[in-house]
Amino acid sequence: MENKNRLSLSTSLWKKISRVAGKAGVKVVYAALALYYVTRDGAVPTFTKLKIYGALAYFIMPVDLIPDFIIGLGFADDLAALTWAFFEVQKHITPEIDRKVMTKLREWFGDFDSSKLDSLRTNRGEPIDIDVDVEVH
């Protein structure tokens, strides 16, 4: 039964993303994809996956608090739900999952400004590389 539900969620998620990716923006799609890939990791606890399923279901639902067709605000509530789940489970977003997400984003968005995702892709307990130019006199 779980595989059937996962297949239904997966199909609905891909349809929704392909339909709204341009309007929703790269941050919304990044969060949705990262959450989706976390659910496919067998090491992630069931309770964690349930949080993700709830957020993804809200994203997929055709009716929500702020209708998606409202320009500028339509995906704010979807992003809020995805972001909540994302930060709840971010420790499960491995470098491998991040690579899968970035590959899919480049496939869908082409060459995009990945710095827009910095707030989502950092501070997961991993070291952050910071380039600093220093002049010594």
N, C-alpha and C. Protein backbone atom coordinates (compact mmCIF):
# COMPACT_ATOMS: atom_id res chain seq x y z
N MET A 1 0.82 -1.20 0.00
CA MET A 1 0.00 0.00 0.00
C MET A 1 0.86 1.27 0.00
N GLU A 2 1.96 1.25 0.78
CA GLU A 2 2.82 2.43 0.83
C GLU A 2 3.41 2.73 -0.54
N ASN A 3 3.81 1.71 -1.30
CA ASN A 3 4.37 1.94 -2.63
C ASN A 3 3.33 2.57 -3.56
N LYS A 4 2.05 2.14 -3.45
CA LYS A 4 0.99 2.72 -4.27
C LYS A 4 0.79 4.19 -3.92
N ASN A 5 0.78 4.51 -2.62
CA ASN A 5 0.64 5.91 -2.19
C ASN A 5 1.84 6.74 -2.63
N ARG A 6 3.03 6.16 -2.54
CA ARG A 6 4.24 6.87 -2.97
C ARG A 6 4.20 7.16 -4.46
N LEU A 7 3.72 6.18 -5.25
CA LEU A 7 3.61 6.36 -6.69
C LEU A 7 2.61 7.46 -7.02
N SER A 8 1.48 7.48 -6.31
CA SER A 8 0.46 8.51 -6.53
C SER A 8 1.01 9.89 -6.18
N LEU A 9 1.69 10.00 -5.04
CA LEU A 9 2.30 11.27 -4.63
C LEU A 9 3.34 11.71 -5.65
N SER A 10 4.16 10.78 -6.06
CA SER A 10 5.22 11.08 -7.02
C SER A 10 4.64 11.60 -8.33
N THR A 11 3.63 10.91 -8.85
CA THR A 11 3.01 11.31 -10.11
C THR A 11 2.37 12.69 -9.98
N SER A 12 1.63 12.91 -8.89
CA SER A 12 0.98 14.20 -8.68
C SER A 12 2.00 15.32 -8.50
N LEU A 13 3.09 15.04 -7.78
CA LEU A 13 4.12 16.04 -7.57
C LEU A 13 4.78 16.44 -8.88
N TRP A 14 5.16 15.47 -9.71
CA TRP A 14 5.81 15.79 -10.99
C TRP A 14 4.87 16.60 -11.88
N LYS A 15 3.58 16.23 -11.88
CA LYS A 15 2.61 16.98 -12.70
C LYS A 15 2.51 18.42 -12.22
N LYS A 16 2.38 18.60 -10.91
CA LYS A 16 2.25 19.95 -10.35
C LYS A 16 3.49 20.78 -10.65
N ILE A 17 4.66 20.22 -10.42
CA ILE A 17 5.90 20.97 -10.66
C ILE A 17 6.03 21.34 -12.13
N SER A 18 5.76 20.40 -13.01
CA SER A 18 5.91 20.71 -14.44
C SER A 18 4.92 21.79 -14.88
N ARG A 19 3.77 21.85 -14.22
CA ARG A 19 2.75 22.83 -14.57
C ARG A 19 3.06 24.22 -14.01
N VAL A 20 3.68 24.29 -12.82
CA VAL A 20 3.82 25.58 -12.15
C VAL A 20 5.26 26.02 -11.90
N ALA A 21 6.22 25.27 -12.37
CA ALA A 21 7.63 25.56 -12.04
C ALA A 21 8.01 27.00 -12.35
N GLY A 22 7.66 27.48 -13.51
CA GLY A 22 8.02 28.84 -13.89
C GLY A 22 7.40 29.89 -12.99
N LYS A 23 6.15 29.68 -12.60
CA LYS A 23 5.45 30.64 -11.73
C LYS A 23 5.89 30.50 -10.28
N ALA A 24 6.09 29.27 -9.83
CA ALA A 24 6.43 29.02 -8.42
C ALA A 24 7.84 29.48 -8.10
N GLY A 25 8.73 29.30 -9.04
CA GLY A 25 10.11 29.72 -8.84
C GLY A 25 11.01 28.61 -8.35
N VAL A 26 12.29 28.86 -8.46
CA VAL A 26 13.30 27.85 -8.19
C VAL A 26 13.34 27.46 -6.71
N LYS A 27 13.06 28.39 -5.79
CA LYS A 27 13.09 28.06 -4.37
C LYS A 27 12.00 27.06 -4.00
N VAL A 28 10.80 27.30 -4.48
CA VAL A 28 9.69 26.39 -4.20
C VAL A 28 9.98 25.01 -4.77
N VAL A 29 10.46 24.99 -6.00
CA VAL A 29 10.74 23.71 -6.64
C VAL A 29 11.90 23.00 -5.95
N TYR A 30 12.94 23.75 -5.55
CA TYR A 30 14.05 23.13 -4.82
C TYR A 30 13.55 22.46 -3.55
N ALA A 31 12.75 23.18 -2.77
CA ALA A 31 12.25 22.62 -1.51
C ALA A 31 11.40 21.39 -1.76
N ALA A 32 10.51 21.44 -2.74
CA ALA A 32 9.64 20.30 -3.05
C ALA A 32 10.46 19.09 -3.48
N LEU A 33 11.44 19.31 -4.35
CA LEU A 33 12.26 18.20 -4.82
C LEU A 33 13.12 17.61 -3.70
N ALA A 34 13.71 18.47 -2.89
CA ALA A 34 14.54 17.98 -1.78
C ALA A 34 13.69 17.12 -0.84
N LEU A 35 12.50 17.60 -0.53
CA LEU A 35 11.62 16.83 0.35
C LEU A 35 11.24 15.49 -0.30
N TYR A 36 10.93 15.53 -1.57
CA TYR A 36 10.58 14.30 -2.28
C TYR A 36 11.72 13.28 -2.20
N TYR A 37 12.93 13.72 -2.49
CA TYR A 37 14.06 12.79 -2.47
C TYR A 37 14.36 12.27 -1.06
N VAL A 38 14.10 13.07 -0.04
CA VAL A 38 14.28 12.60 1.34
C VAL A 38 13.32 11.45 1.63
N THR A 39 12.09 11.54 1.12
CA THR A 39 11.12 10.46 1.38
C THR A 39 11.55 9.14 0.75
N ARG A 40 12.40 9.20 -0.23
CA ARG A 40 12.84 7.98 -0.92
C ARG A 40 14.05 7.33 -0.24
N ASP A 41 14.57 7.99 0.78
CA ASP A 41 15.72 7.47 1.52
C ASP A 41 15.22 6.53 2.62
N GLY A 42 15.62 5.27 2.54
CA GLY A 42 15.17 4.27 3.51
C GLY A 42 15.63 4.52 4.93
N ALA A 43 16.66 5.34 5.12
CA ALA A 43 17.18 5.60 6.46
C ALA A 43 16.38 6.67 7.20
N VAL A 44 15.48 7.34 6.51
CA VAL A 44 14.70 8.42 7.13
C VAL A 44 13.53 7.81 7.89
N PRO A 45 13.35 8.22 9.16
CA PRO A 45 12.26 7.67 9.98
C PRO A 45 10.87 7.97 9.39
N THR A 46 9.94 7.08 9.66
CA THR A 46 8.57 7.21 9.16
C THR A 46 7.93 8.52 9.61
N PHE A 47 8.12 8.92 10.87
CA PHE A 47 7.53 10.17 11.36
C PHE A 47 8.02 11.37 10.56
N THR A 48 9.28 11.37 10.21
CA THR A 48 9.85 12.45 9.40
C THR A 48 9.21 12.46 8.03
N LYS A 49 9.04 11.27 7.46
CA LYS A 49 8.41 11.18 6.14
C LYS A 49 6.97 11.67 6.19
N LEU A 50 6.27 11.42 7.28
CA LEU A 50 4.88 11.88 7.40
C LEU A 50 4.80 13.41 7.37
N LYS A 51 5.74 14.09 7.99
CA LYS A 51 5.79 15.55 7.93
C LYS A 51 5.94 16.01 6.47
N ILE A 52 6.83 15.33 5.78
CA ILE A 52 7.08 15.69 4.38
C ILE A 52 5.85 15.43 3.53
N TYR A 53 5.22 14.28 3.71
CA TYR A 53 4.03 13.94 2.93
C TYR A 53 2.95 15.01 3.13
N GLY A 54 2.80 15.50 4.35
CA GLY A 54 1.82 16.55 4.62
C GLY A 54 2.12 17.82 3.85
N ALA A 55 3.36 18.25 3.86
CA ALA A 55 3.75 19.47 3.14
C ALA A 55 3.62 19.30 1.64
N LEU A 56 4.04 18.15 1.12
CA LEU A 56 3.93 17.91 -0.32
C LEU A 56 2.47 17.80 -0.74
N ALA A 57 1.64 17.18 0.09
CA ALA A 57 0.21 17.08 -0.22
C ALA A 57 -0.41 18.47 -0.30
N TYR A 58 -0.02 19.36 0.63
CA TYR A 58 -0.53 20.74 0.59
C TYR A 58 -0.10 21.43 -0.70
N PHE A 59 1.14 21.22 -1.10
CA PHE A 59 1.66 21.81 -2.34
C PHE A 59 0.87 21.31 -3.55
N ILE A 60 0.54 20.04 -3.55
CA ILE A 60 -0.13 19.42 -4.69
C ILE A 60 -1.62 19.78 -4.75
N MET A 61 -2.25 19.98 -3.59
CA MET A 61 -3.70 20.23 -3.55
C MET A 61 -4.07 21.43 -4.43
N PRO A 62 -5.13 21.27 -5.20
CA PRO A 62 -5.55 22.38 -6.07
C PRO A 62 -6.16 23.56 -5.31
N VAL A 63 -6.65 23.32 -4.10
CA VAL A 63 -7.27 24.38 -3.31
C VAL A 63 -6.43 24.58 -2.05
N ASP A 64 -6.01 25.82 -1.80
CA ASP A 64 -5.28 26.11 -0.57
C ASP A 64 -5.60 27.52 -0.11
N LEU A 65 -4.96 27.97 0.95
CA LEU A 65 -5.29 29.26 1.55
C LEU A 65 -5.18 30.43 0.58
N ILE A 66 -4.10 30.47 -0.17
CA ILE A 66 -3.90 31.54 -1.17
C ILE A 66 -3.87 30.86 -2.54
N PRO A 67 -4.88 31.10 -3.37
CA PRO A 67 -4.92 30.44 -4.69
C PRO A 67 -3.65 30.71 -5.50
N ASP A 68 -3.16 29.66 -6.16
CA ASP A 68 -1.90 29.75 -6.90
C ASP A 68 -1.93 30.77 -8.03
N PHE A 69 -3.12 31.10 -8.54
CA PHE A 69 -3.20 32.01 -9.68
C PHE A 69 -2.98 33.48 -9.29
N ILE A 70 -2.94 33.80 -8.00
CA ILE A 70 -2.72 35.19 -7.57
C ILE A 70 -1.24 35.53 -7.74
N ILE A 71 -0.97 36.40 -8.68
CA ILE A 71 0.41 36.74 -9.03
C ILE A 71 1.12 37.39 -7.85
N GLY A 72 2.30 36.90 -7.55
CA GLY A 72 3.11 37.45 -6.48
C GLY A 72 2.86 36.82 -5.12
N LEU A 73 1.65 36.31 -4.88
CA LEU A 73 1.32 35.72 -3.59
C LEU A 73 0.89 34.27 -3.68
N GLY A 74 0.55 33.81 -4.86
CA GLY A 74 -0.08 32.51 -5.04
C GLY A 74 0.66 31.33 -4.47
N PHE A 75 1.97 31.39 -4.43
CA PHE A 75 2.74 30.26 -3.93
C PHE A 75 3.34 30.53 -2.56
N ALA A 76 2.98 31.64 -1.95
CA ALA A 76 3.54 31.98 -0.63
C ALA A 76 3.16 30.94 0.42
N ASP A 77 1.91 30.51 0.41
CA ASP A 77 1.49 29.51 1.40
C ASP A 77 2.11 28.15 1.10
N ASP A 78 2.25 27.82 -0.18
CA ASP A 78 2.91 26.56 -0.54
C ASP A 78 4.36 26.58 -0.09
N LEU A 79 5.04 27.70 -0.32
CA LEU A 79 6.43 27.84 0.10
C LEU A 79 6.54 27.75 1.62
N ALA A 80 5.58 28.34 2.33
CA ALA A 80 5.60 28.28 3.79
C ALA A 80 5.50 26.83 4.27
N ALA A 81 4.59 26.06 3.70
CA ALA A 81 4.44 24.65 4.09
C ALA A 81 5.69 23.85 3.75
N LEU A 82 6.22 24.07 2.55
CA LEU A 82 7.42 23.35 2.13
C LEU A 82 8.62 23.74 2.98
N THR A 83 8.73 25.03 3.27
CA THR A 83 9.86 25.52 4.07
C THR A 83 9.81 24.96 5.49
N TRP A 84 8.62 24.94 6.08
CA TRP A 84 8.47 24.36 7.42
C TRP A 84 8.97 22.92 7.42
N ALA A 85 8.48 22.11 6.49
CA ALA A 85 8.90 20.71 6.43
C ALA A 85 10.39 20.62 6.12
N PHE A 86 10.85 21.47 5.22
CA PHE A 86 12.25 21.46 4.81
C PHE A 86 13.17 21.67 6.01
N PHE A 87 12.90 22.69 6.81
CA PHE A 87 13.75 22.97 7.96
C PHE A 87 13.58 21.94 9.07
N GLU A 88 12.42 21.29 9.13
CA GLU A 88 12.21 20.22 10.10
C GLU A 88 13.07 19.00 9.77
N VAL A 89 13.32 18.77 8.49
CA VAL A 89 14.01 17.53 8.08
C VAL A 89 15.33 17.79 7.36
N GLN A 90 15.84 19.01 7.41
CA GLN A 90 17.02 19.35 6.61
C GLN A 90 18.25 18.50 6.92
N LYS A 91 18.36 17.95 8.12
CA LYS A 91 19.52 17.12 8.43
C LYS A 91 19.53 15.84 7.60
N HIS A 92 18.41 15.50 6.99
CA HIS A 92 18.32 14.31 6.15
C HIS A 92 18.63 14.61 4.68
N ILE A 93 18.86 15.88 4.37
CA ILE A 93 19.19 16.25 2.99
C ILE A 93 20.70 16.08 2.82
N THR A 94 21.07 14.95 2.29
CA THR A 94 22.47 14.60 2.11
C THR A 94 23.04 15.30 0.89
N PRO A 95 24.36 15.35 0.77
CA PRO A 95 24.95 15.91 -0.45
C PRO A 95 24.46 15.18 -1.71
N GLU A 96 24.23 13.88 -1.61
CA GLU A 96 23.72 13.13 -2.77
C GLU A 96 22.33 13.62 -3.16
N ILE A 97 21.46 13.84 -2.17
CA ILE A 97 20.12 14.35 -2.45
C ILE A 97 20.22 15.75 -3.05
N ASP A 98 21.07 16.59 -2.50
CA ASP A 98 21.25 17.93 -3.04
C ASP A 98 21.70 17.89 -4.49
N ARG A 99 22.62 16.98 -4.82
CA ARG A 99 23.07 16.85 -6.21
C ARG A 99 21.92 16.44 -7.13
N LYS A 100 21.09 15.50 -6.68
CA LYS A 100 19.94 15.07 -7.49
C LYS A 100 19.00 16.25 -7.75
N VAL A 101 18.75 17.03 -6.70
CA VAL A 101 17.85 18.17 -6.83
C VAL A 101 18.43 19.19 -7.80
N MET A 102 19.69 19.52 -7.63
CA MET A 102 20.32 20.52 -8.50
C MET A 102 20.35 20.05 -9.96
N THR A 103 20.57 18.77 -10.18
CA THR A 103 20.56 18.22 -11.54
C THR A 103 19.18 18.40 -12.16
N LYS A 104 18.14 18.09 -11.40
CA LYS A 104 16.78 18.21 -11.90
C LYS A 104 16.42 19.68 -12.14
N LEU A 105 16.86 20.57 -11.24
CA LEU A 105 16.59 22.00 -11.43
C LEU A 105 17.25 22.53 -12.70
N ARG A 106 18.47 22.11 -12.96
CA ARG A 106 19.16 22.56 -14.18
C ARG A 106 18.46 22.01 -15.42
N GLU A 107 17.93 20.81 -15.30
CA GLU A 107 17.18 20.21 -16.42
C GLU A 107 15.93 21.05 -16.71
N TRP A 108 15.24 21.50 -15.66
CA TRP A 108 13.99 22.23 -15.82
C TRP A 108 14.17 23.72 -16.02
N PHE A 109 15.14 24.35 -15.33
CA PHE A 109 15.30 25.79 -15.37
C PHE A 109 16.48 26.24 -16.22
N GLY A 110 17.29 25.30 -16.68
CA GLY A 110 18.48 25.68 -17.43
C GLY A 110 19.52 26.28 -16.51
N ASP A 111 20.24 27.28 -17.02
CA ASP A 111 21.28 27.93 -16.23
C ASP A 111 20.63 29.02 -15.38
N PHE A 112 20.46 28.76 -14.10
CA PHE A 112 19.81 29.72 -13.21
C PHE A 112 20.79 30.18 -12.15
N ASP A 113 20.45 31.25 -11.48
CA ASP A 113 21.29 31.82 -10.42
C ASP A 113 21.13 30.97 -9.16
N SER A 114 22.05 30.06 -8.92
CA SER A 114 21.94 29.15 -7.78
C SER A 114 22.14 29.87 -6.44
N SER A 115 22.61 31.12 -6.47
CA SER A 115 22.77 31.85 -5.21
C SER A 115 21.40 32.13 -4.56
N LYS A 116 20.33 32.06 -5.35
CA LYS A 116 18.98 32.23 -4.80
C LYS A 116 18.64 31.11 -3.81
N LEU A 117 19.39 30.02 -3.89
CA LEU A 117 19.13 28.86 -3.04
C LEU A 117 20.06 28.78 -1.84
N ASP A 118 20.97 29.75 -1.70
CA ASP A 118 21.96 29.69 -0.63
C ASP A 118 21.33 29.53 0.75
N SER A 119 20.23 30.22 0.99
CA SER A 119 19.61 30.12 2.32
C SER A 119 19.05 28.74 2.59
N LEU A 120 18.73 27.99 1.55
CA LEU A 120 18.21 26.63 1.72
C LEU A 120 19.32 25.59 1.72
N ARG A 121 20.43 25.88 1.07
CA ARG A 121 21.47 24.87 0.87
C ARG A 121 22.60 24.95 1.89
N THR A 122 22.57 25.91 2.81
CA THR A 122 23.65 26.04 3.79
C THR A 122 23.13 25.75 5.19
N ASN A 123 24.03 25.75 6.13
CA ASN A 123 23.69 25.59 7.55
C ASN A 123 23.02 24.27 7.87
N ARG A 124 23.48 23.20 7.27
CA ARG A 124 22.96 21.88 7.59
C ARG A 124 23.95 21.09 8.42
N GLY A 125 24.77 21.79 9.15
CA GLY A 125 25.76 21.10 9.94
C GLY A 125 27.02 20.78 9.16
N GLU A 126 27.04 21.18 7.89
CA GLU A 126 28.22 20.96 7.07
C GLU A 126 29.04 22.25 7.05
N PRO A 127 30.34 22.14 6.86
CA PRO A 127 31.14 23.36 6.77
C PRO A 127 30.72 24.19 5.57
N ILE A 128 30.76 25.50 5.72
CA ILE A 128 30.43 26.41 4.64
C ILE A 128 31.72 27.06 4.17
N ASP A 129 31.99 26.96 2.86
CA ASP A 129 33.18 27.59 2.30
C ASP A 129 32.92 29.08 2.12
N ILE A 130 33.82 29.89 2.67
CA ILE A 130 33.72 31.33 2.51
C ILE A 130 35.04 31.82 1.94
N ASP A 131 34.96 32.46 0.77
CA ASP A 131 36.16 33.03 0.16
C ASP A 131 36.39 34.42 0.72
N VAL A 132 37.60 34.65 1.19
CA VAL A 132 37.94 35.97 1.75
C VAL A 132 39.23 36.44 1.09
N ASP A 133 39.20 37.66 0.57
CA ASP A 133 40.41 38.27 0.02
C ASP A 133 41.02 39.15 1.10
N VAL A 134 42.28 38.90 1.42
CA VAL A 134 42.96 39.64 2.46
C VAL A 134 44.22 40.25 1.88
N GLU A 135 44.40 41.55 2.16
CA GLU A 135 45.62 42.23 1.76
C GLU A 135 46.44 42.49 3.01
N VAL A 136 47.70 42.12 2.98
CA VAL A 136 48.57 42.36 4.13
C VAL A 136 49.52 43.49 3.75
N HIS A 137 49.62 44.49 4.62
CA HIS A 137 50.52 45.63 4.36
C HIS A 137 51.63 45.63 5.37
